[in-house]
Amino acid sequence: MGRLILTSKKGYTNEDAVGNVINYLYRAATKEDPTEKILCFGGLGVSQEPDSMVAQITYVQMACRSPSTIGTRTFHEIFTFTPEEAELFRNRYDLLSRFTMESAYVYYSMGHQIAYAVHYGKVFGLHIHFAGNAVSFYDGSKWYNNEMKLKLMEREQYMNQILEHYMAESGKEIIL
């Protein structure tokens, strides 16, 4: 089963936090893994171009909250696959893109703009980065609270249900 990991929110309160996280998603190779590649990227509730994503997320933050109450500006979660699950998507970028968009919808349906990028490298394998607006476009509420941390397992379960569906269609089983 895939795992959803909440990354640290330290450093996400500064004005350039959204841009820094989105640029991190859209990077290519890293020092940790010079072979890492971006397989697909996009977003829901935002343009498909990184600079426009940042501008649109910032606009929602400024429209929904006063600058003094924005606080944490973005969140970053990573969904990782087992090698067996990753094999399902080998050379199937259409399927991988569809899975990623369906998984991203969990954030968007909660009122948060979301950017995503799928990476593959020798060190970390296949994984999806999700970076979202910490301010809801529905009502201006914040992402970071205890309820959202508790719902991490629900989001992981939702993504694994989607993954299970794709595995079943291909005749494969998820190994628990």
N, C-alpha and C. Protein backbone atom coordinates (compact mmCIF):
# COMPACT_ATOMS: atom_id res chain seq x y z
N MET A 1 0.84 -1.18 0.00
CA MET A 1 0.00 0.00 0.00
C MET A 1 0.88 1.24 0.00
N GLY A 2 0.40 2.25 -0.70
CA GLY A 2 1.11 3.51 -0.71
C GLY A 2 1.04 4.19 0.64
N ARG A 3 2.00 5.07 0.89
CA ARG A 3 2.03 5.82 2.15
C ARG A 3 1.96 7.30 1.84
N LEU A 4 1.19 8.04 2.64
CA LEU A 4 1.11 9.49 2.53
C LEU A 4 1.87 10.08 3.69
N ILE A 5 2.85 10.93 3.37
CA ILE A 5 3.74 11.49 4.38
C ILE A 5 3.55 13.00 4.42
N LEU A 6 3.31 13.52 5.62
CA LEU A 6 3.22 14.96 5.84
C LEU A 6 4.62 15.48 6.07
N THR A 7 5.07 16.41 5.24
CA THR A 7 6.41 16.95 5.44
C THR A 7 6.34 18.06 6.48
N SER A 8 7.47 18.47 6.95
CA SER A 8 7.55 19.52 7.97
C SER A 8 6.97 20.81 7.43
N LYS A 9 6.27 21.56 8.29
CA LYS A 9 5.72 22.84 7.86
C LYS A 9 6.64 24.01 8.24
N LYS A 10 7.81 23.71 8.78
CA LYS A 10 8.74 24.78 9.13
C LYS A 10 9.15 25.54 7.88
N GLY A 11 9.19 26.83 7.98
CA GLY A 11 9.63 27.65 6.86
C GLY A 11 8.52 27.98 5.87
N TYR A 12 7.30 27.55 6.14
CA TYR A 12 6.21 27.81 5.20
C TYR A 12 5.40 29.05 5.57
N THR A 13 5.92 29.88 6.46
CA THR A 13 5.20 31.10 6.84
C THR A 13 5.71 32.35 6.13
N ASN A 14 6.88 32.27 5.53
CA ASN A 14 7.42 33.46 4.87
C ASN A 14 6.69 33.72 3.54
N GLU A 15 6.80 34.94 3.03
CA GLU A 15 6.05 35.33 1.84
C GLU A 15 6.42 34.52 0.60
N ASP A 16 7.62 34.00 0.53
CA ASP A 16 8.01 33.24 -0.66
C ASP A 16 7.88 31.72 -0.46
N ALA A 17 7.20 31.29 0.61
CA ALA A 17 7.05 29.87 0.90
C ALA A 17 6.34 29.12 -0.22
N VAL A 18 5.25 29.69 -0.74
CA VAL A 18 4.49 29.01 -1.80
C VAL A 18 5.39 28.81 -3.03
N GLY A 19 6.08 29.86 -3.43
CA GLY A 19 6.98 29.76 -4.58
C GLY A 19 8.10 28.76 -4.35
N ASN A 20 8.66 28.76 -3.15
CA ASN A 20 9.74 27.82 -2.85
C ASN A 20 9.28 26.37 -2.94
N VAL A 21 8.11 26.06 -2.39
CA VAL A 21 7.62 24.69 -2.40
C VAL A 21 7.25 24.27 -3.83
N ILE A 22 6.57 25.13 -4.57
CA ILE A 22 6.19 24.77 -5.95
C ILE A 22 7.44 24.62 -6.81
N ASN A 23 8.42 25.49 -6.64
CA ASN A 23 9.67 25.32 -7.40
C ASN A 23 10.37 24.02 -7.02
N TYR A 24 10.28 23.62 -5.76
CA TYR A 24 10.84 22.34 -5.33
C TYR A 24 10.15 21.18 -6.06
N LEU A 25 8.82 21.24 -6.17
CA LEU A 25 8.08 20.21 -6.88
C LEU A 25 8.51 20.09 -8.33
N TYR A 26 8.76 21.22 -8.96
CA TYR A 26 9.04 21.24 -10.39
C TYR A 26 10.52 21.17 -10.73
N ARG A 27 11.33 20.87 -9.74
CA ARG A 27 12.75 20.72 -9.99
C ARG A 27 12.99 19.40 -10.70
N ALA A 28 14.15 19.22 -11.19
CA ALA A 28 14.51 17.93 -11.79
C ALA A 28 15.41 17.20 -10.81
N ALA A 29 16.61 16.90 -11.20
CA ALA A 29 17.53 16.14 -10.36
C ALA A 29 17.89 16.93 -9.10
N THR A 30 18.22 16.21 -8.04
CA THR A 30 18.63 16.82 -6.78
C THR A 30 20.02 16.31 -6.42
N LYS A 31 20.62 16.93 -5.41
CA LYS A 31 21.91 16.45 -4.92
C LYS A 31 21.77 15.03 -4.37
N GLU A 32 20.63 14.77 -3.69
CA GLU A 32 20.41 13.44 -3.12
C GLU A 32 20.24 12.38 -4.20
N ASP A 33 19.63 12.76 -5.33
CA ASP A 33 19.36 11.80 -6.40
C ASP A 33 19.50 12.49 -7.76
N PRO A 34 20.71 12.50 -8.32
CA PRO A 34 20.93 13.18 -9.60
C PRO A 34 20.20 12.53 -10.77
N THR A 35 19.64 11.33 -10.56
CA THR A 35 18.91 10.65 -11.63
C THR A 35 17.41 10.99 -11.62
N GLU A 36 16.96 11.73 -10.60
CA GLU A 36 15.53 11.97 -10.44
C GLU A 36 14.95 12.72 -11.64
N LYS A 37 13.76 12.27 -12.04
CA LYS A 37 13.07 12.86 -13.18
C LYS A 37 11.64 13.22 -12.80
N ILE A 38 11.09 14.25 -13.43
CA ILE A 38 9.68 14.60 -13.28
C ILE A 38 8.92 13.87 -14.38
N LEU A 39 7.94 13.07 -13.99
CA LEU A 39 7.17 12.29 -14.96
C LEU A 39 5.90 13.00 -15.41
N CYS A 40 5.25 13.68 -14.50
CA CYS A 40 4.08 14.48 -14.87
C CYS A 40 3.83 15.51 -13.77
N PHE A 41 3.09 16.55 -14.11
CA PHE A 41 2.80 17.60 -13.14
C PHE A 41 1.49 18.28 -13.53
N GLY A 42 0.96 19.05 -12.60
CA GLY A 42 -0.27 19.79 -12.86
C GLY A 42 -0.83 20.34 -11.58
N GLY A 43 -2.12 20.60 -11.59
CA GLY A 43 -2.78 21.14 -10.41
C GLY A 43 -4.27 21.22 -10.60
N LEU A 44 -4.96 21.45 -9.51
CA LEU A 44 -6.40 21.66 -9.52
C LEU A 44 -6.68 23.00 -8.85
N GLY A 45 -7.45 23.84 -9.52
CA GLY A 45 -7.76 25.16 -9.00
C GLY A 45 -6.67 26.17 -9.28
N VAL A 46 -5.68 25.76 -10.07
CA VAL A 46 -4.57 26.64 -10.44
C VAL A 46 -4.19 26.39 -11.89
N SER A 47 -3.47 27.34 -12.45
CA SER A 47 -2.91 27.20 -13.79
C SER A 47 -1.92 26.05 -13.80
N GLN A 48 -1.50 25.63 -14.97
CA GLN A 48 -0.53 24.54 -15.07
C GLN A 48 0.90 25.06 -15.16
N GLU A 49 1.10 26.34 -14.98
CA GLU A 49 2.43 26.97 -15.08
C GLU A 49 2.85 27.43 -13.68
N PRO A 50 4.02 27.03 -13.19
CA PRO A 50 4.42 27.29 -11.80
C PRO A 50 4.30 28.75 -11.34
N ASP A 51 4.76 29.71 -12.12
CA ASP A 51 4.67 31.10 -11.68
C ASP A 51 3.22 31.55 -11.53
N SER A 52 2.36 31.11 -12.44
CA SER A 52 0.94 31.44 -12.33
C SER A 52 0.30 30.76 -11.14
N MET A 53 0.73 29.52 -10.85
CA MET A 53 0.22 28.82 -9.67
C MET A 53 0.47 29.63 -8.41
N VAL A 54 1.69 30.10 -8.29
CA VAL A 54 2.08 30.88 -7.11
C VAL A 54 1.22 32.14 -7.00
N ALA A 55 1.06 32.85 -8.10
CA ALA A 55 0.26 34.08 -8.11
C ALA A 55 -1.19 33.79 -7.74
N GLN A 56 -1.76 32.72 -8.25
CA GLN A 56 -3.16 32.40 -7.97
C GLN A 56 -3.37 31.98 -6.52
N ILE A 57 -2.45 31.20 -5.98
CA ILE A 57 -2.55 30.81 -4.57
C ILE A 57 -2.42 32.03 -3.67
N THR A 58 -1.46 32.88 -3.98
CA THR A 58 -1.26 34.10 -3.19
C THR A 58 -2.49 35.00 -3.25
N TYR A 59 -3.11 35.09 -4.42
CA TYR A 59 -4.32 35.91 -4.57
C TYR A 59 -5.42 35.40 -3.64
N VAL A 60 -5.65 34.10 -3.61
CA VAL A 60 -6.69 33.54 -2.75
C VAL A 60 -6.36 33.85 -1.28
N GLN A 61 -5.10 33.73 -0.91
CA GLN A 61 -4.71 34.02 0.48
C GLN A 61 -5.02 35.46 0.85
N MET A 62 -4.69 36.38 -0.05
CA MET A 62 -4.92 37.80 0.24
C MET A 62 -6.41 38.15 0.20
N ALA A 63 -7.18 37.45 -0.63
CA ALA A 63 -8.61 37.72 -0.73
C ALA A 63 -9.38 37.17 0.47
N CYS A 64 -8.88 36.09 1.05
CA CYS A 64 -9.63 35.40 2.11
C CYS A 64 -9.17 35.73 3.53
N ARG A 65 -7.96 36.27 3.67
CA ARG A 65 -7.44 36.54 5.02
C ARG A 65 -6.63 37.83 4.99
N SER A 66 -6.54 38.46 6.15
CA SER A 66 -5.67 39.63 6.24
C SER A 66 -4.23 39.14 6.33
N PRO A 67 -3.26 39.93 5.86
CA PRO A 67 -1.86 39.48 5.87
C PRO A 67 -1.38 39.01 7.24
N SER A 68 -1.89 39.61 8.29
CA SER A 68 -1.43 39.25 9.63
C SER A 68 -1.98 37.90 10.10
N THR A 69 -3.00 37.36 9.41
CA THR A 69 -3.59 36.08 9.85
C THR A 69 -3.32 34.93 8.87
N ILE A 70 -2.50 35.17 7.86
CA ILE A 70 -2.22 34.08 6.91
C ILE A 70 -1.39 32.99 7.58
N GLY A 71 -0.35 33.36 8.30
CA GLY A 71 0.48 32.35 8.98
C GLY A 71 1.08 31.38 7.98
N THR A 72 0.90 30.09 8.23
CA THR A 72 1.41 29.06 7.32
C THR A 72 0.72 29.22 5.98
N ARG A 73 1.52 29.26 4.91
CA ARG A 73 0.98 29.57 3.58
C ARG A 73 0.76 28.36 2.70
N THR A 74 1.45 27.26 2.98
CA THR A 74 1.33 26.09 2.12
C THR A 74 1.53 24.83 2.94
N PHE A 75 1.13 23.71 2.39
CA PHE A 75 1.42 22.42 2.98
C PHE A 75 2.00 21.53 1.89
N HIS A 76 2.71 20.49 2.31
CA HIS A 76 3.41 19.62 1.37
C HIS A 76 3.30 18.20 1.89
N GLU A 77 2.70 17.33 1.07
CA GLU A 77 2.59 15.92 1.41
C GLU A 77 3.14 15.10 0.25
N ILE A 78 3.63 13.91 0.57
CA ILE A 78 4.23 13.04 -0.45
C ILE A 78 3.58 11.66 -0.35
N PHE A 79 3.12 11.15 -1.50
CA PHE A 79 2.57 9.80 -1.57
C PHE A 79 3.62 8.91 -2.21
N THR A 80 3.99 7.85 -1.51
CA THR A 80 5.01 6.93 -2.02
C THR A 80 4.38 5.60 -2.40
N PHE A 81 4.99 4.93 -3.35
CA PHE A 81 4.51 3.64 -3.85
C PHE A 81 5.48 2.53 -3.48
N THR A 82 4.95 1.32 -3.34
CA THR A 82 5.82 0.16 -3.24
C THR A 82 6.36 -0.12 -4.64
N PRO A 83 7.45 -0.87 -4.76
CA PRO A 83 7.96 -1.21 -6.09
C PRO A 83 6.92 -1.94 -6.96
N GLU A 84 6.10 -2.80 -6.34
CA GLU A 84 5.07 -3.52 -7.09
C GLU A 84 4.02 -2.56 -7.64
N GLU A 85 3.62 -1.58 -6.83
CA GLU A 85 2.64 -0.59 -7.29
C GLU A 85 3.23 0.28 -8.38
N ALA A 86 4.48 0.67 -8.20
CA ALA A 86 5.14 1.52 -9.20
C ALA A 86 5.22 0.82 -10.55
N GLU A 87 5.36 -0.49 -10.52
CA GLU A 87 5.45 -1.27 -11.77
C GLU A 87 4.19 -1.11 -12.62
N LEU A 88 3.04 -0.93 -11.96
CA LEU A 88 1.78 -0.72 -12.68
C LEU A 88 1.87 0.47 -13.63
N PHE A 89 2.59 1.50 -13.22
CA PHE A 89 2.65 2.75 -13.98
C PHE A 89 3.85 2.83 -14.92
N ARG A 90 4.66 1.79 -14.96
CA ARG A 90 5.84 1.82 -15.82
C ARG A 90 5.42 2.05 -17.27
N ASN A 91 5.96 3.12 -17.84
CA ASN A 91 5.67 3.51 -19.23
C ASN A 91 4.18 3.76 -19.47
N ARG A 92 3.42 4.04 -18.42
CA ARG A 92 1.99 4.33 -18.54
C ARG A 92 1.72 5.70 -17.93
N TYR A 93 2.28 6.74 -18.55
CA TYR A 93 2.16 8.08 -18.00
C TYR A 93 0.72 8.57 -18.03
N ASP A 94 -0.08 8.07 -18.98
CA ASP A 94 -1.50 8.44 -19.01
C ASP A 94 -2.21 7.94 -17.76
N LEU A 95 -1.94 6.70 -17.37
CA LEU A 95 -2.54 6.12 -16.18
C LEU A 95 -2.02 6.79 -14.92
N LEU A 96 -0.74 7.07 -14.89
CA LEU A 96 -0.12 7.74 -13.75
C LEU A 96 -0.69 9.15 -13.57
N SER A 97 -0.85 9.85 -14.68
CA SER A 97 -1.42 11.20 -14.63
C SER A 97 -2.86 11.16 -14.12
N ARG A 98 -3.62 10.20 -14.59
CA ARG A 98 -5.02 10.07 -14.14
C ARG A 98 -5.09 9.74 -12.66
N PHE A 99 -4.26 8.82 -12.20
CA PHE A 99 -4.23 8.47 -10.78
C PHE A 99 -3.87 9.70 -9.94
N THR A 100 -2.89 10.45 -10.39
CA THR A 100 -2.43 11.62 -9.64
C THR A 100 -3.52 12.68 -9.56
N MET A 101 -4.20 12.93 -10.68
CA MET A 101 -5.29 13.92 -10.66
C MET A 101 -6.43 13.48 -9.74
N GLU A 102 -6.78 12.20 -9.79
CA GLU A 102 -7.84 11.70 -8.90
C GLU A 102 -7.42 11.83 -7.44
N SER A 103 -6.16 11.57 -7.15
CA SER A 103 -5.67 11.70 -5.78
C SER A 103 -5.65 13.17 -5.35
N ALA A 104 -5.28 14.06 -6.24
CA ALA A 104 -5.23 15.49 -5.92
C ALA A 104 -6.63 16.04 -5.62
N TYR A 105 -7.62 15.40 -6.16
CA TYR A 105 -8.99 15.88 -5.96
C TYR A 105 -9.39 15.88 -4.48
N VAL A 106 -8.80 15.01 -3.68
CA VAL A 106 -9.14 14.97 -2.26
C VAL A 106 -8.85 16.33 -1.61
N TYR A 107 -7.79 16.99 -2.01
CA TYR A 107 -7.44 18.31 -1.46
C TYR A 107 -8.37 19.39 -2.01
N TYR A 108 -8.57 19.33 -3.32
CA TYR A 108 -9.41 20.34 -3.99
C TYR A 108 -10.85 20.27 -3.47
N SER A 109 -11.35 19.08 -3.24
CA SER A 109 -12.72 18.93 -2.75
C SER A 109 -12.88 19.49 -1.34
N MET A 110 -11.76 19.67 -0.63
CA MET A 110 -11.79 20.26 0.70
C MET A 110 -11.60 21.77 0.64
N GLY A 111 -11.50 22.32 -0.58
CA GLY A 111 -11.40 23.77 -0.73
C GLY A 111 -9.98 24.30 -0.81
N HIS A 112 -9.03 23.46 -1.20
CA HIS A 112 -7.64 23.90 -1.26
C HIS A 112 -7.07 23.72 -2.66
N GLN A 113 -6.53 24.79 -3.21
CA GLN A 113 -5.84 24.70 -4.49
C GLN A 113 -4.65 23.75 -4.29
N ILE A 114 -4.35 22.97 -5.31
CA ILE A 114 -3.30 21.97 -5.15
C ILE A 114 -2.44 21.87 -6.41
N ALA A 115 -1.13 21.81 -6.21
CA ALA A 115 -0.19 21.55 -7.29
C ALA A 115 0.42 20.18 -7.01
N TYR A 116 0.76 19.46 -8.07
CA TYR A 116 1.36 18.15 -7.88
C TYR A 116 2.44 17.90 -8.92
N ALA A 117 3.37 17.03 -8.55
CA ALA A 117 4.41 16.60 -9.48
C ALA A 117 4.79 15.17 -9.11
N VAL A 118 4.90 14.33 -10.13
CA VAL A 118 5.30 12.94 -9.93
C VAL A 118 6.78 12.84 -10.27
N HIS A 119 7.54 12.29 -9.35
CA HIS A 119 8.98 12.13 -9.53
C HIS A 119 9.33 10.65 -9.52
N TYR A 120 10.43 10.33 -10.22
CA TYR A 120 11.00 8.99 -10.14
C TYR A 120 12.52 9.14 -10.09
N GLY A 121 13.12 8.40 -9.18
CA GLY A 121 14.58 8.38 -9.07
C GLY A 121 15.03 7.08 -8.46
N LYS A 122 16.30 6.80 -8.58
CA LYS A 122 16.84 5.55 -8.04
C LYS A 122 16.78 5.51 -6.52
N VAL A 123 16.94 6.66 -5.89
CA VAL A 123 16.97 6.69 -4.43
C VAL A 123 15.58 6.57 -3.83
N PHE A 124 14.62 7.36 -4.31
CA PHE A 124 13.30 7.42 -3.69
C PHE A 124 12.21 6.68 -4.46
N GLY A 125 12.52 6.15 -5.63
CA GLY A 125 11.51 5.44 -6.40
C GLY A 125 10.42 6.38 -6.91
N LEU A 126 9.25 5.82 -7.18
CA LEU A 126 8.12 6.60 -7.68
C LEU A 126 7.39 7.24 -6.51
N HIS A 127 7.14 8.56 -6.60
CA HIS A 127 6.43 9.27 -5.55
C HIS A 127 5.77 10.52 -6.11
N ILE A 128 4.73 10.97 -5.44
CA ILE A 128 3.98 12.16 -5.86
C ILE A 128 4.09 13.21 -4.77
N HIS A 129 4.45 14.42 -5.18
CA HIS A 129 4.44 15.57 -4.27
C HIS A 129 3.13 16.32 -4.46
N PHE A 130 2.50 16.68 -3.35
CA PHE A 130 1.31 17.54 -3.37
C PHE A 130 1.64 18.77 -2.55
N ALA A 131 1.46 19.95 -3.14
CA ALA A 131 1.65 21.21 -2.42
C ALA A 131 0.37 22.00 -2.55
N GLY A 132 -0.18 22.42 -1.44
CA GLY A 132 -1.47 23.10 -1.49
C GLY A 132 -1.50 24.41 -0.77
N ASN A 133 -2.51 25.18 -1.11
CA ASN A 133 -2.77 26.45 -0.44
C ASN A 133 -3.27 26.14 0.97
N ALA A 134 -2.63 26.68 1.97
CA ALA A 134 -3.04 26.45 3.36
C ALA A 134 -4.31 27.23 3.70
N VAL A 135 -4.77 28.09 2.81
CA VAL A 135 -5.99 28.86 3.01
C VAL A 135 -7.06 28.32 2.06
N SER A 136 -8.21 27.96 2.62
CA SER A 136 -9.30 27.42 1.82
C SER A 136 -9.96 28.51 0.98
N PHE A 137 -10.21 28.19 -0.30
CA PHE A 137 -10.93 29.14 -1.15
C PHE A 137 -12.42 29.13 -0.84
N TYR A 138 -12.90 28.13 -0.08
CA TYR A 138 -14.31 28.11 0.33
C TYR A 138 -14.63 29.19 1.35
N ASP A 139 -13.84 29.19 2.43
CA ASP A 139 -14.19 30.05 3.56
C ASP A 139 -13.01 30.72 4.24
N GLY A 140 -11.80 30.59 3.70
CA GLY A 140 -10.63 31.21 4.30
C GLY A 140 -10.06 30.46 5.49
N SER A 141 -10.63 29.29 5.82
CA SER A 141 -10.11 28.54 6.96
C SER A 141 -8.72 28.00 6.64
N LYS A 142 -7.99 27.65 7.67
CA LYS A 142 -6.61 27.19 7.53
C LYS A 142 -6.53 25.67 7.45
N TRP A 143 -5.52 25.19 6.74
CA TRP A 143 -5.26 23.76 6.60
C TRP A 143 -4.70 23.17 7.87
N TYR A 144 -3.72 23.84 8.47
CA TYR A 144 -3.02 23.27 9.61
C TYR A 144 -3.83 23.39 10.87
N ASN A 145 -4.42 22.30 11.24
CA ASN A 145 -5.05 22.16 12.53
C ASN A 145 -5.05 20.67 12.85
N ASN A 146 -5.42 20.33 14.05
CA ASN A 146 -5.35 18.92 14.45
C ASN A 146 -6.27 18.04 13.61
N GLU A 147 -7.41 18.59 13.18
CA GLU A 147 -8.34 17.80 12.38
C GLU A 147 -7.69 17.35 11.07
N MET A 148 -6.94 18.23 10.42
CA MET A 148 -6.30 17.86 9.16
C MET A 148 -5.20 16.82 9.37
N LYS A 149 -4.50 16.92 10.48
CA LYS A 149 -3.47 15.91 10.76
C LYS A 149 -4.12 14.54 10.98
N LEU A 150 -5.26 14.52 11.66
CA LEU A 150 -5.97 13.27 11.86
C LEU A 150 -6.49 12.71 10.54
N LYS A 151 -6.86 13.60 9.64
CA LYS A 151 -7.40 13.17 8.35
C LYS A 151 -6.32 12.70 7.37
N LEU A 152 -5.06 12.78 7.77
CA LEU A 152 -3.97 12.29 6.92
C LEU A 152 -4.21 10.82 6.58
N MET A 153 -4.60 10.04 7.55
CA MET A 153 -4.85 8.62 7.30
C MET A 153 -6.04 8.43 6.37
N GLU A 154 -7.05 9.29 6.48
CA GLU A 154 -8.21 9.19 5.58
C GLU A 154 -7.79 9.51 4.15
N ARG A 155 -6.94 10.53 3.98
CA ARG A 155 -6.46 10.87 2.63
C ARG A 155 -5.63 9.72 2.07
N GLU A 156 -4.78 9.14 2.91
CA GLU A 156 -3.97 8.00 2.48
C GLU A 156 -4.87 6.84 2.07
N GLN A 157 -5.89 6.57 2.86
CA GLN A 157 -6.82 5.48 2.55
C GLN A 157 -7.54 5.75 1.23
N TYR A 158 -7.97 6.98 1.01
CA TYR A 158 -8.65 7.36 -0.24
C TYR A 158 -7.73 7.10 -1.44
N MET A 159 -6.48 7.52 -1.34
CA MET A 159 -5.54 7.33 -2.44
C MET A 159 -5.26 5.84 -2.67
N ASN A 160 -5.19 5.07 -1.59
CA ASN A 160 -4.97 3.64 -1.73
C ASN A 160 -6.19 2.93 -2.34
N GLN A 161 -7.39 3.44 -2.08
CA GLN A 161 -8.57 2.87 -2.72
C GLN A 161 -8.53 3.11 -4.23
N ILE A 162 -8.11 4.30 -4.63
CA ILE A 162 -7.95 4.58 -6.06
C ILE A 162 -6.90 3.65 -6.65
N LEU A 163 -5.78 3.52 -5.95
CA LEU A 163 -4.70 2.66 -6.41
C LEU A 163 -5.17 1.21 -6.52
N GLU A 164 -5.92 0.76 -5.53
CA GLU A 164 -6.45 -0.60 -5.55
C GLU A 164 -7.33 -0.82 -6.78
N HIS A 165 -8.11 0.16 -7.13
CA HIS A 165 -8.96 0.09 -8.32
C HIS A 165 -8.11 -0.09 -9.58
N TYR A 166 -7.06 0.70 -9.70
CA TYR A 166 -6.17 0.59 -10.86
C TYR A 166 -5.46 -0.76 -10.90
N MET A 167 -5.05 -1.23 -9.73
CA MET A 167 -4.38 -2.53 -9.66
C MET A 167 -5.35 -3.65 -10.08
N ALA A 168 -6.59 -3.58 -9.60
CA ALA A 168 -7.58 -4.60 -9.94
C ALA A 168 -7.87 -4.60 -11.44
N GLU A 169 -7.96 -3.42 -12.03
CA GLU A 169 -8.19 -3.34 -13.48
C GLU A 169 -7.06 -4.00 -14.27
N SER A 170 -5.86 -3.93 -13.73
CA SER A 170 -4.71 -4.50 -14.43
C SER A 170 -4.49 -5.98 -14.08
N GLY A 171 -5.31 -6.49 -13.15
CA GLY A 171 -5.16 -7.88 -12.75
C GLY A 171 -4.13 -8.11 -11.68
N LYS A 172 -3.66 -7.04 -11.05
CA LYS A 172 -2.66 -7.16 -9.99
C LYS A 172 -3.32 -6.91 -8.64
N GLU A 173 -2.66 -7.32 -7.58
CA GLU A 173 -3.18 -7.10 -6.22
C GLU A 173 -2.20 -6.23 -5.45
N ILE A 174 -2.76 -5.43 -4.54
CA ILE A 174 -1.91 -4.66 -3.63
C ILE A 174 -1.44 -5.60 -2.53
N ILE A 175 -0.16 -5.55 -2.26
CA ILE A 175 0.41 -6.38 -1.19
C ILE A 175 0.39 -5.56 0.09
N LEU A 176 -0.30 -6.09 1.09
CA LEU A 176 -0.43 -5.37 2.37
C LEU A 176 0.73 -5.66 3.28
